[in-house]
Amino acid sequence: MRSVRSKIIVVGLVLGVAGVGTWQLLPDSGGGGKAIRVGTSDVVSALDPAGAYDAGSWALFSNVYQSLLTIKSGSDTPVADAASSCGFIGQKLTTYQCELRPDAKFAGGRAITAEDVKHSFDRIKAINSDQGPAPLFNTLESVKAEGRTVTFNLSAGDSTFPFKIATGAASIVDKDKYPAKALRADGKVDGSGPYTLGAYKAGTSIDLKPNASYKGRAKPALAPVTIRYFKDSAELDKAWNDRQIDVAHREMPPAVLAALNPGMKDTRYQASGGSEIRSVVFNVRPGSTAAPLAVRQAVAAVLDRAKVATEIYSGTVTPLYSLVPAGIAAHSTPFFDTYPTPNGAAAKKLFKDAGITAPVSLTVGVNARGANLAEADEIKRQLESTGLFQLKIKPVEKWTDFQKGYAAGEFDAYTIGWIADFPDADNFLAPLVGADSSMNNGFSDKTVDDLITRTQSHSERGEAAADFRELQKLVSQKVPMVPIWQKKDYVMSREAVTGAQYLSDGTGVWRLWELNWL
């Protein structure tokens, strides 16, 4: 999912605790009903699951909606949530069937039906929002509802499908409240998750109340939560220092994260996973100055990832040389293999061989939050120092405007983060470079699509490793995107809050129900 959402099993876990010996693991119902204040600089782009495929929205969805399956913290295996059981029918991996829990119901009291589930998936495909999760369900052909049974018919074998219906994209909505062919626009939520939506001020705050009728895999929520949304990292940091929030997640300034240590007063922290990646995405449509392959290859040849990591992110990110990050099975380093060090001479030869006259002008779109602008300025400096490029950085304040801009082809290139929806290399490739990708950059390649289809047909995921490595190599050759870095997921909390170590494991899911007061 876009980060302003990919799932990965936790690769490493670092706990830092100040003033206490360990995290408190047995919360009671303390706090006197006071809301726990969670701060973030992420953005909720939509309350309707059919219209959002980004970190901020999915973090909310995992609390107010429910999917048939879910993934528990620290695990990489989908388990039943709104369903009582799910599984493939036959050996072809083209039919997947789920039975609904008999006690599943929406917060308003109506029982969830198989027709609700069918409606939830059908409308994603029918609406096909540029900002929505339709690309994730590229193999979904049809959904059948019969009694308490939901049957998914797939166009090709897809062993990753159980993971896909464990994500926010598969949130179950009330068929009587959510239009079949349009996004819901009244600012309300009717779901069945651990929380219900209270007061909602777009871009500012959301109040969540425990849903007493929730039945599913998560434990019942114990404390109300207020989510506060901040314009950027600096504002989030100020709110933390002014004690306006009790938990901070995504995204404190790099310098603050780099300075975290166990001796800090009233501050607990954890750094988990390493699955968030960031890339330069090229608009390859005709007319874009990034359409010629040599232009994109030249950018890959001169990009100095290590300098970006150290000078912009204070070492809190790691240079990345493939769309599949380290820690995910089948990770390789094809961009490093081709361009081991920044090489201006190689870039100039690429221009000469392709008959391209320098400098090439590139308009680069940037969502103006956190360190994104500083990162873009550093990339601009690197590329322009070769004499081959002139970059115009185009900052866009609102995340939704930025999404619409790159979908409409307003930029020759843009920078964007990605957090995988589930712990498989497929989710770093299919939604990014596959047919009708969520990057909306005009890239299409039959060889890439065929390889993606082949990887999805392997029920034993290790058997797909060779194809995944070939896919990563193809991406480095065709360069629809250039990976920049990957990073860990940081959560900070006050000592009075328990359960923050379970809030996020780098998957884009927020387990707010784990939070409570001592």
Protein backbone atom coordinates (compact mmCIF):
# COMPACT_ATOMS: atom_id res chain seq x y z
CA MET A 1 0.00 0.00 0.00
CA ARG A 2 1.17 3.49 -0.55
CA SER A 3 2.73 5.11 2.47
CA VAL A 4 2.07 8.67 3.20
CA ARG A 5 0.47 0.51 3.01
CA SER A 6 2.92 -3.91 2.59
CA LYS A 7 2.99 -6.46 5.09
CA ILE A 8 6.07 -8.26 6.34
CA ILE A 9 6.79 -10.63 9.16
CA VAL A 10 8.91 -8.93 11.79
CA VAL A 11 12.55 -9.40 10.89
CA GLY A 12 13.97 -7.77 13.97
CA LEU A 13 12.67 -6.24 17.16
CA VAL A 14 14.45 -3.65 19.24
CA LEU A 15 12.89 -2.46 22.48
CA GLY A 16 14.06 0.61 24.32
CA VAL A 17 12.62 1.31 27.74
CA ALA A 18 13.32 4.23 30.03
CA GLY A 19 12.64 4.00 33.72
CA VAL A 20 11.22 0.45 33.75
CA GLY A 21 12.70 -2.98 33.21
CA THR A 22 10.28 -4.23 30.60
CA TRP A 23 7.03 -3.53 28.76
CA GLN A 24 3.95 -4.13 30.89
CA LEU A 25 2.26 -7.15 29.34
CA LEU A 26 -0.88 -7.50 31.47
CA PRO A 27 -2.96 -4.33 31.09
CA ASP A 28 -5.99 -3.75 33.23
CA SER A 29 -8.88 -1.40 32.54
CA GLY A 30 -7.21 1.61 34.13
CA GLY A 31 -7.21 5.19 32.88
CA GLY A 32 -10.73 6.00 34.06
CA GLY A 33 -12.09 5.90 30.52
CA LYS A 34 -9.67 8.58 29.31
CA ALA A 35 -8.81 8.29 25.62
CA ILE A 36 -5.29 7.31 24.63
CA ARG A 37 -3.99 9.94 22.20
CA VAL A 38 -2.16 8.52 19.19
CA GLY A 39 -0.32 10.93 16.90
CA THR A 40 0.69 10.41 13.27
CA SER A 41 1.62 12.43 10.20
CA ASP A 42 -0.06 9.87 7.96
CA VAL A 43 -3.25 10.83 6.15
CA VAL A 44 -6.66 9.20 5.89
CA SER A 45 -7.54 9.69 2.24
CA ALA A 46 -10.96 8.00 2.46
CA LEU A 47 -13.25 6.30 4.97
CA ASP A 48 -14.57 3.99 2.26
CA PRO A 49 -12.33 0.93 1.72
CA ALA A 50 -13.05 0.97 -2.03
CA GLY A 51 -11.39 4.37 -2.33
CA ALA A 52 -8.13 4.02 -0.40
CA TYR A 53 -4.87 2.14 -0.80
CA ASP A 54 -2.57 4.02 1.59
CA ALA A 55 -1.05 3.58 5.03
CA GLY A 56 -3.11 6.12 6.93
CA SER A 57 -6.45 4.85 5.68
CA TRP A 58 -5.65 1.16 6.16
CA ALA A 59 -4.40 1.82 9.69
CA LEU A 60 -7.88 3.10 10.48
CA PHE A 61 -9.67 0.35 8.52
CA SER A 62 -8.04 -2.39 10.61
CA ASN A 63 -9.84 -0.95 13.65
CA VAL A 64 -13.29 0.00 12.39
CA TYR A 65 -13.80 -2.71 9.75
CA GLN A 66 -13.29 -6.45 9.69
CA SER A 67 -11.96 -8.77 6.98
CA LEU A 68 -12.64 -12.47 6.51
CA LEU A 69 -9.05 -13.19 7.55
CA THR A 70 -6.39 -11.29 9.44
CA ILE A 71 -2.71 -11.66 10.32
CA LYS A 72 -1.76 -11.70 13.97
CA SER A 73 1.13 -9.61 15.22
CA GLY A 74 4.45 -11.34 14.62
CA SER A 75 2.92 -13.94 12.31
CA ASP A 76 2.98 -14.45 8.55
CA THR A 77 -0.04 -16.73 8.29
CA PRO A 78 -3.63 -15.53 7.71
CA VAL A 79 -6.13 -16.68 10.33
CA ALA A 80 -9.92 -16.45 10.51
CA ASP A 81 -11.50 -13.17 11.64
CA ALA A 82 -15.03 -12.51 10.34
CA ALA A 83 -14.86 -15.99 8.83
CA SER A 84 -14.96 -19.21 10.82
CA SER A 85 -12.91 -21.01 8.16
CA CYS A 86 -11.44 -20.43 4.71
CA GLY A 87 -9.55 -22.54 2.19
CA PHE A 88 -8.86 -23.37 -1.43
CA ILE A 89 -11.13 -25.85 -3.15
CA GLY A 90 -9.14 -28.27 -5.31
CA GLN A 91 -5.51 -28.08 -6.35
CA LYS A 92 -5.64 -25.39 -9.04
CA LEU A 93 -5.74 -22.47 -6.55
CA THR A 94 -8.54 -20.85 -8.57
CA THR A 95 -11.44 -21.34 -6.13
CA TYR A 96 -11.32 -20.02 -2.59
CA GLN A 97 -14.18 -20.45 -0.13
CA CYS A 98 -14.99 -18.98 3.28
CA GLU A 99 -17.69 -19.68 5.86
CA LEU A 100 -18.84 -16.68 7.88
CA ARG A 101 -18.84 -16.72 11.67
CA PRO A 102 -22.40 -17.33 12.90
CA ASP A 103 -22.11 -14.40 15.35
CA ALA A 104 -20.55 -11.83 12.98
CA LYS A 105 -22.49 -8.58 12.95
CA PHE A 106 -22.04 -4.91 12.22
CA ALA A 107 -21.70 -2.48 15.11
CA GLY A 108 -25.27 -1.35 14.43
CA GLY A 109 -26.52 -4.84 15.24
CA ARG A 110 -27.33 -6.31 11.82
CA ALA A 111 -25.84 -9.73 11.08
CA ILE A 112 -23.12 -9.79 8.42
CA THR A 113 -24.24 -11.86 5.45
CA ALA A 114 -22.43 -13.47 2.56
CA GLU A 115 -24.17 -10.90 0.35
CA ASP A 116 -22.41 -8.12 2.31
CA VAL A 117 -19.06 -9.76 1.59
CA LYS A 118 -19.85 -10.18 -2.11
CA HIS A 119 -21.01 -6.56 -2.28
CA SER A 120 -17.78 -5.36 -0.63
CA PHE A 121 -15.61 -7.01 -3.29
CA ASP A 122 -17.87 -6.34 -6.26
CA ARG A 123 -17.92 -2.60 -5.63
CA ILE A 124 -14.11 -2.38 -5.45
CA LYS A 125 -13.94 -3.74 -9.00
CA ALA A 126 -16.94 -1.73 -10.21
CA ILE A 127 -15.74 1.61 -8.82
CA ASN A 128 -12.10 0.94 -9.77
CA SER A 129 -10.89 4.10 -8.07
CA ASP A 130 -7.45 5.39 -9.09
CA GLN A 131 -6.71 5.66 -5.37
CA GLY A 132 -8.39 2.34 -4.48
CA PRO A 133 -7.19 -1.25 -4.00
CA ALA A 134 -8.56 -2.80 -7.22
CA PRO A 135 -5.00 -3.68 -8.47
CA LEU A 136 -4.58 -5.97 -5.47
CA PHE A 137 -7.43 -8.14 -6.75
CA ASN A 138 -6.20 -8.54 -10.30
CA THR A 139 -6.91 -12.29 -10.24
CA LEU A 140 -10.42 -11.99 -8.77
CA GLU A 141 -12.97 -12.87 -11.46
CA SER A 142 -16.22 -13.21 -9.51
CA VAL A 143 -17.72 -13.69 -6.04
CA LYS A 144 -20.66 -15.95 -5.18
CA ALA A 145 -22.75 -15.72 -2.02
CA GLU A 146 -24.84 -18.66 -0.88
CA GLY A 147 -26.12 -18.95 2.68
CA ARG A 148 -23.15 -18.29 4.99
CA THR A 149 -20.69 -19.33 2.28
CA VAL A 150 -18.64 -16.96 0.10
CA THR A 151 -16.88 -18.39 -2.95
CA PHE A 152 -14.17 -16.48 -4.81
CA ASN A 153 -13.48 -17.52 -8.41
CA LEU A 154 -10.02 -16.54 -9.65
CA SER A 155 -8.84 -16.09 -13.23
CA ALA A 156 -5.56 -17.86 -12.46
CA GLY A 157 -4.01 -19.82 -9.62
CA ASP A 158 -3.19 -17.34 -6.86
CA SER A 159 -1.65 -18.74 -3.69
CA THR A 160 -1.41 -15.20 -2.28
CA PHE A 161 -5.18 -14.67 -2.30
CA PRO A 162 -5.65 -15.55 1.41
CA PHE A 163 -3.19 -12.78 2.26
CA LYS A 164 -5.09 -10.31 0.09
CA ILE A 165 -8.39 -10.90 1.87
CA ALA A 166 -6.63 -10.37 5.20
CA THR A 167 -5.93 -6.72 4.33
CA GLY A 168 -7.81 -3.46 4.63
CA ALA A 169 -8.75 -3.79 0.97
CA ALA A 170 -11.04 -6.67 1.95
CA SER A 171 -12.89 -4.72 4.63
CA ILE A 172 -16.50 -5.86 4.86
CA VAL A 173 -19.08 -3.09 4.48
CA ASP A 174 -22.85 -2.98 4.91
CA LYS A 175 -24.47 -3.45 1.50
CA ASP A 176 -27.35 -1.21 2.55
CA LYS A 177 -25.06 1.73 3.41
CA TYR A 178 -22.32 1.61 0.75
CA PRO A 179 -23.30 2.26 -2.92
CA ALA A 180 -22.50 -0.46 -5.44
CA LYS A 181 -20.95 1.87 -8.01
CA ALA A 182 -19.85 4.95 -6.10
CA LEU A 183 -17.84 5.77 -2.99
CA ARG A 184 -19.75 6.55 0.17
CA ALA A 185 -19.49 10.29 0.76
CA ASP A 186 -21.31 11.06 4.04
CA GLY A 187 -18.24 10.80 6.30
CA LYS A 188 -19.67 7.84 8.21
CA VAL A 189 -18.51 4.26 8.83
CA ASP A 190 -20.60 1.12 9.26
CA GLY A 191 -18.24 -1.73 10.06
CA SER A 192 -17.72 -4.57 12.49
CA GLY A 193 -14.20 -3.95 13.81
CA PRO A 194 -12.99 -3.62 17.41
CA TYR A 195 -13.90 0.09 17.38
CA THR A 196 -16.70 2.32 16.19
CA LEU A 197 -16.13 5.75 14.65
CA GLY A 198 -17.02 8.67 16.89
CA ALA A 199 -16.25 12.30 16.13
CA TYR A 200 -14.43 12.72 12.82
CA LYS A 201 -12.65 15.90 11.76
CA ALA A 202 -10.99 15.24 8.40
CA GLY A 203 -7.23 15.81 8.54
CA THR A 204 -7.35 16.70 12.25
CA SER A 205 -8.67 13.96 14.53
CA ILE A 206 -10.76 10.82 14.87
CA ASP A 207 -12.36 9.50 18.06
CA LEU A 208 -12.73 5.75 18.36
CA LYS A 209 -14.91 3.94 20.87
CA PRO A 210 -14.67 0.22 21.77
CA ASN A 211 -17.23 -1.85 19.88
CA ALA A 212 -18.92 -3.98 22.56
CA SER A 213 -20.47 -6.28 19.95
CA TYR A 214 -17.20 -7.11 18.14
CA LYS A 215 -16.63 -10.82 17.47
CA GLY A 216 -13.39 -11.80 15.80
CA ARG A 217 -9.71 -12.64 16.14
CA ALA A 218 -8.65 -9.45 17.96
CA LYS A 219 -9.16 -9.12 21.67
CA PRO A 220 -11.85 -6.63 22.76
CA ALA A 221 -10.70 -3.02 22.85
CA LEU A 222 -10.36 -1.73 26.42
CA ALA A 223 -9.69 1.99 26.05
CA PRO A 224 -11.10 4.70 23.79
CA VAL A 225 -8.58 6.20 21.39
CA THR A 226 -8.22 9.64 19.83
CA ILE A 227 -6.09 9.73 16.70
CA ARG A 228 -4.53 13.12 15.99
CA TYR A 229 -3.24 13.89 12.51
CA PHE A 230 -0.34 16.29 12.03
CA LYS A 231 0.77 18.07 8.88
CA ASP A 232 4.36 16.93 9.10
CA SER A 233 7.03 15.31 11.25
CA ALA A 234 7.97 18.56 12.94
CA GLU A 235 4.42 19.08 14.19
CA LEU A 236 4.24 15.48 15.40
CA ASP A 237 7.53 15.91 17.25
CA LYS A 238 6.30 19.13 18.87
CA ALA A 239 3.10 17.44 20.00
CA TRP A 240 5.18 14.66 21.57
CA ASN A 241 7.46 17.08 23.37
CA ASP A 242 4.46 19.15 24.53
CA ARG A 243 2.86 15.93 25.84
CA GLN A 244 -0.20 16.40 23.65
CA ILE A 245 -0.01 12.74 22.56
CA ASP A 246 0.68 9.47 24.37
CA VAL A 247 1.82 7.38 21.38
CA ALA A 248 3.67 8.53 18.24
CA HIS A 249 3.88 6.51 15.03
CA ARG A 250 4.76 7.46 11.46
CA GLU A 251 6.63 9.64 11.17
CA MET A 252 8.91 11.34 13.66
CA PRO A 253 11.86 13.33 12.22
CA PRO A 254 14.90 11.18 11.27
CA ALA A 255 17.13 12.99 13.77
CA VAL A 256 14.71 12.14 16.59
CA LEU A 257 14.59 8.46 15.61
CA ALA A 258 18.37 8.30 15.31
CA ALA A 259 18.74 9.68 18.84
CA LEU A 260 16.40 7.21 20.56
CA ASN A 261 18.08 5.43 23.47
CA PRO A 262 17.07 3.48 26.59
CA GLY A 263 18.02 6.35 28.89
CA MET A 264 15.29 8.70 27.67
CA LYS A 265 12.83 9.85 30.32
CA ASP A 266 9.25 8.57 30.11
CA THR A 267 9.83 7.20 26.61
CA ARG A 268 9.47 3.67 25.39
CA TYR A 269 10.21 2.83 21.81
CA GLN A 270 10.44 -0.07 19.43
CA ALA A 271 11.89 -0.47 15.95
CA SER A 272 10.42 -3.42 14.09
CA GLY A 273 10.36 -4.89 10.63
CA GLY A 274 12.10 -3.18 7.77
CA SER A 275 9.52 -3.47 5.03
CA GLU A 276 8.73 0.12 4.19
CA ILE A 277 10.40 1.07 0.94
CA ARG A 278 10.67 4.31 -1.02
CA SER A 279 11.22 4.69 -4.75
CA VAL A 280 11.30 7.06 -7.67
CA VAL A 281 8.43 6.18 -10.02
CA PHE A 282 8.68 7.21 -13.69
CA ASN A 283 5.81 8.29 -15.89
CA VAL A 284 6.47 6.21 -19.00
CA ARG A 285 3.47 7.47 -20.97
CA PRO A 286 4.21 8.99 -24.42
CA GLY A 287 5.11 12.65 -24.05
CA SER A 288 6.78 12.32 -20.68
CA THR A 289 10.47 13.19 -20.68
CA ALA A 290 10.99 10.01 -18.59
CA ALA A 291 9.46 7.80 -21.30
CA PRO A 292 12.81 6.98 -23.02
CA LEU A 293 14.43 3.99 -21.33
CA ALA A 294 17.88 5.56 -21.38
CA VAL A 295 16.65 8.49 -19.27
CA ARG A 296 15.42 6.16 -16.55
CA GLN A 297 18.54 4.00 -16.71
CA ALA A 298 20.70 7.10 -16.37
CA VAL A 299 18.87 8.11 -13.18
CA ALA A 300 19.51 4.62 -11.81
CA ALA A 301 23.17 4.91 -12.76
CA VAL A 302 23.85 8.15 -10.86
CA LEU A 303 21.60 7.88 -7.80
CA ASP A 304 23.67 7.83 -4.60
CA ARG A 305 21.41 6.04 -2.13
CA ALA A 306 24.00 5.99 0.65
CA LYS A 307 24.22 9.77 0.65
CA VAL A 308 20.43 10.07 0.84
CA ALA A 309 20.41 7.62 3.77
CA THR A 310 23.10 9.38 5.77
CA GLU A 311 22.55 13.05 4.97
CA ILE A 312 18.76 13.16 4.83
CA TYR A 313 17.70 10.32 7.12
CA SER A 314 20.55 10.27 9.65
CA GLY A 315 21.16 6.58 9.00
CA THR A 316 17.62 5.52 9.94
CA VAL A 317 17.08 4.04 6.46
CA THR A 318 19.11 1.50 4.46
CA PRO A 319 19.97 1.83 0.73
CA LEU A 320 17.77 -0.48 -1.34
CA TYR A 321 18.69 -2.04 -4.69
CA SER A 322 15.48 -3.91 -5.52
CA LEU A 323 11.74 -3.38 -5.05
CA VAL A 324 11.76 -6.47 -2.81
CA PRO A 325 13.43 -5.41 0.46
CA ALA A 326 15.97 -7.36 2.47
CA GLY A 327 14.18 -9.66 4.90
CA ILE A 328 11.63 -10.81 2.35
CA ALA A 329 12.23 -14.23 0.75
CA ALA A 330 13.74 -14.01 -2.77
CA HIS A 331 15.23 -10.54 -2.20
CA SER A 332 18.07 -9.76 -4.60
CA THR A 333 20.11 -6.68 -5.54
CA PRO A 334 19.87 -6.22 -9.34
CA PHE A 335 20.27 -2.43 -9.28
CA PHE A 336 23.51 -2.82 -7.30
CA ASP A 337 24.67 -5.55 -9.67
CA THR A 338 24.19 -3.20 -12.62
CA TYR A 339 25.13 0.09 -10.96
CA PRO A 340 27.37 -0.76 -7.94
CA THR A 341 28.46 2.87 -7.48
CA PRO A 342 27.09 6.18 -8.80
CA ASN A 343 28.51 6.45 -12.31
CA GLY A 344 28.07 9.67 -14.27
CA ALA A 345 30.19 8.37 -17.16
CA ALA A 346 27.89 5.38 -17.60
CA ALA A 347 24.88 7.71 -17.61
CA LYS A 348 26.46 9.93 -20.27
CA LYS A 349 27.13 6.89 -22.44
CA LEU A 350 23.49 5.84 -22.10
CA PHE A 351 22.43 9.28 -23.39
CA LYS A 352 24.93 9.19 -26.23
CA ASP A 353 23.97 5.70 -27.38
CA ALA A 354 20.26 6.64 -27.33
CA GLY A 355 20.84 9.95 -29.13
CA ILE A 356 19.45 11.99 -26.21
CA THR A 357 20.56 15.60 -25.87
CA ALA A 358 21.35 16.79 -22.36
CA PRO A 359 20.07 18.25 -20.19
CA VAL A 360 16.74 16.42 -19.91
CA SER A 361 14.11 18.30 -17.93
CA LEU A 362 12.16 16.28 -15.37
CA THR A 363 9.23 17.51 -13.32
CA VAL A 364 9.28 15.52 -10.09
CA GLY A 365 6.19 15.37 -7.89
CA VAL A 366 6.67 15.18 -4.13
CA ASN A 367 4.14 14.91 -1.34
CA ALA A 368 5.37 17.69 0.94
CA ARG A 369 5.60 15.93 4.28
CA GLY A 370 8.39 14.75 6.56
CA ALA A 371 11.80 14.53 4.91
CA ASN A 372 10.35 14.12 1.41
CA LEU A 373 11.33 17.58 0.18
CA ALA A 374 14.85 17.36 1.58
CA GLU A 375 15.18 13.97 -0.09
CA ALA A 376 13.95 15.36 -3.41
CA ASP A 377 16.39 18.27 -3.19
CA GLU A 378 19.28 15.85 -2.62
CA ILE A 379 18.25 13.76 -5.63
CA LYS A 380 17.97 16.94 -7.69
CA ARG A 381 21.48 17.95 -6.61
CA GLN A 382 22.89 14.55 -7.52
CA LEU A 383 21.27 14.36 -10.94
CA GLU A 384 21.99 17.95 -11.93
CA SER A 385 25.64 17.64 -10.92
CA THR A 386 26.13 15.31 -13.90
CA GLY A 387 24.98 17.96 -16.37
CA LEU A 388 22.51 15.46 -17.79
CA PHE A 389 19.36 16.63 -16.00
CA GLN A 390 17.39 19.67 -14.95
CA LEU A 391 14.85 18.89 -12.26
CA LYS A 392 11.81 20.91 -11.25
CA ILE A 393 10.58 19.76 -7.86
CA LYS A 394 6.81 20.15 -7.61
CA PRO A 395 5.67 19.86 -3.98
CA VAL A 396 2.03 18.94 -3.34
CA GLU A 397 0.69 19.54 0.15
CA LYS A 398 -2.41 17.32 0.22
CA TRP A 399 -1.90 13.57 -0.13
CA THR A 400 -5.14 13.14 -2.08
CA ASP A 401 -4.12 15.88 -4.52
CA PHE A 402 -0.74 14.20 -4.93
CA GLN A 403 -2.45 10.88 -5.70
CA LYS A 404 -4.68 12.49 -8.29
CA GLY A 405 -1.70 14.30 -9.79
CA TYR A 406 0.46 11.27 -10.47
CA ALA A 407 -2.55 9.23 -11.64
CA ALA A 408 -3.28 11.95 -14.19
CA GLY A 409 0.34 11.98 -15.41
CA GLU A 410 1.12 15.49 -14.17
CA PHE A 411 4.71 14.56 -13.29
CA ASP A 412 7.54 12.98 -15.27
CA ALA A 413 8.51 11.21 -12.06
CA TYR A 414 7.44 11.15 -8.44
CA THR A 415 8.71 9.75 -5.16
CA ILE A 416 6.52 7.49 -3.05
CA GLY A 417 6.71 5.06 -0.15
CA TRP A 418 5.24 1.56 -0.03
CA ILE A 419 4.37 -0.69 2.89
CA ALA A 420 3.56 -4.23 1.80
CA ASP A 421 0.09 -5.58 2.43
CA PHE A 422 1.33 -9.07 3.23
CA PRO A 423 4.71 -10.82 3.76
CA ASP A 424 5.46 -12.03 0.26
CA ALA A 425 7.63 -10.72 -2.58
CA ASP A 426 4.51 -10.68 -4.75
CA ASN A 427 3.21 -7.63 -2.93
CA PHE A 428 6.31 -5.61 -3.78
CA LEU A 429 5.98 -6.47 -7.46
CA ALA A 430 2.44 -7.18 -8.67
CA PRO A 431 0.82 -3.94 -7.37
CA LEU A 432 3.84 -1.83 -8.39
CA VAL A 433 4.85 -3.08 -11.85
CA GLY A 434 2.09 -5.52 -12.84
CA ALA A 435 -0.86 -4.87 -15.12
CA ASP A 436 -2.98 -1.88 -14.02
CA SER A 437 -0.52 -1.18 -11.21
CA SER A 438 -1.38 1.12 -8.34
CA MET A 439 1.48 3.40 -9.40
CA ASN A 440 -0.58 4.66 -12.38
CA ASN A 441 2.56 5.42 -14.39
CA GLY A 442 1.65 3.83 -17.71
CA PHE A 443 4.08 0.92 -17.41
CA SER A 444 3.00 -2.40 -18.92
CA ASP A 445 5.08 -5.42 -19.89
CA LYS A 446 3.78 -8.86 -20.90
CA THR A 447 6.91 -10.70 -19.72
CA VAL A 448 6.59 -9.09 -16.31
CA ASP A 449 2.87 -9.93 -16.13
CA ASP A 450 3.46 -13.54 -17.17
CA LEU A 451 6.15 -13.96 -14.51
CA ILE A 452 3.87 -12.47 -11.85
CA THR A 453 1.12 -14.92 -12.80
CA ARG A 454 3.59 -17.79 -12.60
CA THR A 455 4.84 -16.79 -9.15
CA GLN A 456 1.28 -16.65 -7.84
CA SER A 457 0.63 -20.22 -8.98
CA HIS A 458 3.13 -21.73 -6.52
CA SER A 459 1.49 -22.87 -3.30
CA GLU A 460 4.98 -23.59 -1.96
CA ARG A 461 6.32 -20.06 -2.03
CA GLY A 462 9.96 -21.15 -2.08
CA GLU A 463 9.36 -22.59 -5.55
CA ALA A 464 8.67 -19.05 -6.82
CA ALA A 465 12.08 -17.71 -5.75
CA ALA A 466 13.77 -18.06 -9.14
CA ASP A 467 10.89 -16.29 -10.89
CA PHE A 468 10.93 -13.52 -8.29
CA ARG A 469 14.64 -12.98 -8.86
CA GLU A 470 14.04 -12.85 -12.61
CA LEU A 471 11.27 -10.30 -12.04
CA GLN A 472 13.56 -8.10 -9.96
CA LYS A 473 16.18 -8.29 -12.70
CA LEU A 474 13.62 -7.28 -15.32
CA VAL A 475 12.60 -4.26 -13.24
CA SER A 476 16.25 -3.16 -13.06
CA GLN A 477 16.46 -3.43 -16.86
CA LYS A 478 13.17 -1.76 -17.76
CA VAL A 479 13.32 0.73 -14.88
CA PRO A 480 9.69 1.77 -14.37
CA MET A 481 10.83 2.57 -10.82
CA VAL A 482 14.12 3.04 -9.00
CA PRO A 483 14.23 1.90 -5.36
CA ILE A 484 15.91 4.31 -2.93
CA TRP A 485 15.72 2.88 0.60
CA GLN A 486 14.00 0.63 3.12
CA LYS A 487 13.44 1.37 6.77
CA LYS A 488 12.24 -0.01 10.08
CA ASP A 489 8.95 0.90 11.74
CA TYR A 490 9.23 3.05 14.88
CA VAL A 491 6.66 3.42 17.68
CA MET A 492 7.13 5.72 20.68
CA SER A 493 4.93 5.69 23.76
CA ARG A 494 4.71 7.02 27.31
CA GLU A 495 5.31 4.71 30.27
CA ALA A 496 1.66 4.99 31.33
CA VAL A 497 0.54 3.26 28.13
CA THR A 498 0.67 -0.51 27.75
CA GLY A 499 0.51 -2.59 24.59
CA ALA A 500 2.33 -0.14 22.31
CA GLN A 501 4.85 -2.84 21.41
CA TYR A 502 2.00 -4.59 19.57
CA LEU A 503 0.63 -1.50 17.81
CA SER A 504 2.57 -1.99 14.59
CA ASP A 505 4.98 -4.58 13.25
CA GLY A 506 5.71 -2.81 9.98
CA THR A 507 2.62 -4.23 8.26
CA GLY A 508 0.50 -1.09 8.00
CA VAL A 509 -1.99 -2.57 10.48
CA TRP A 510 -2.68 -0.56 13.61
CA ARG A 511 -3.65 -2.78 16.56
CA LEU A 512 -5.13 0.04 18.62
CA TRP A 513 -7.09 -2.52 20.64
CA GLU A 514 -3.81 -3.58 22.26
CA LEU A 515 -3.41 -0.13 23.88
CA ASN A 516 -4.49 0.52 27.46
CA TRP A 517 -3.52 2.48 30.54
CA LEU A 518 -1.50 1.04 33.39
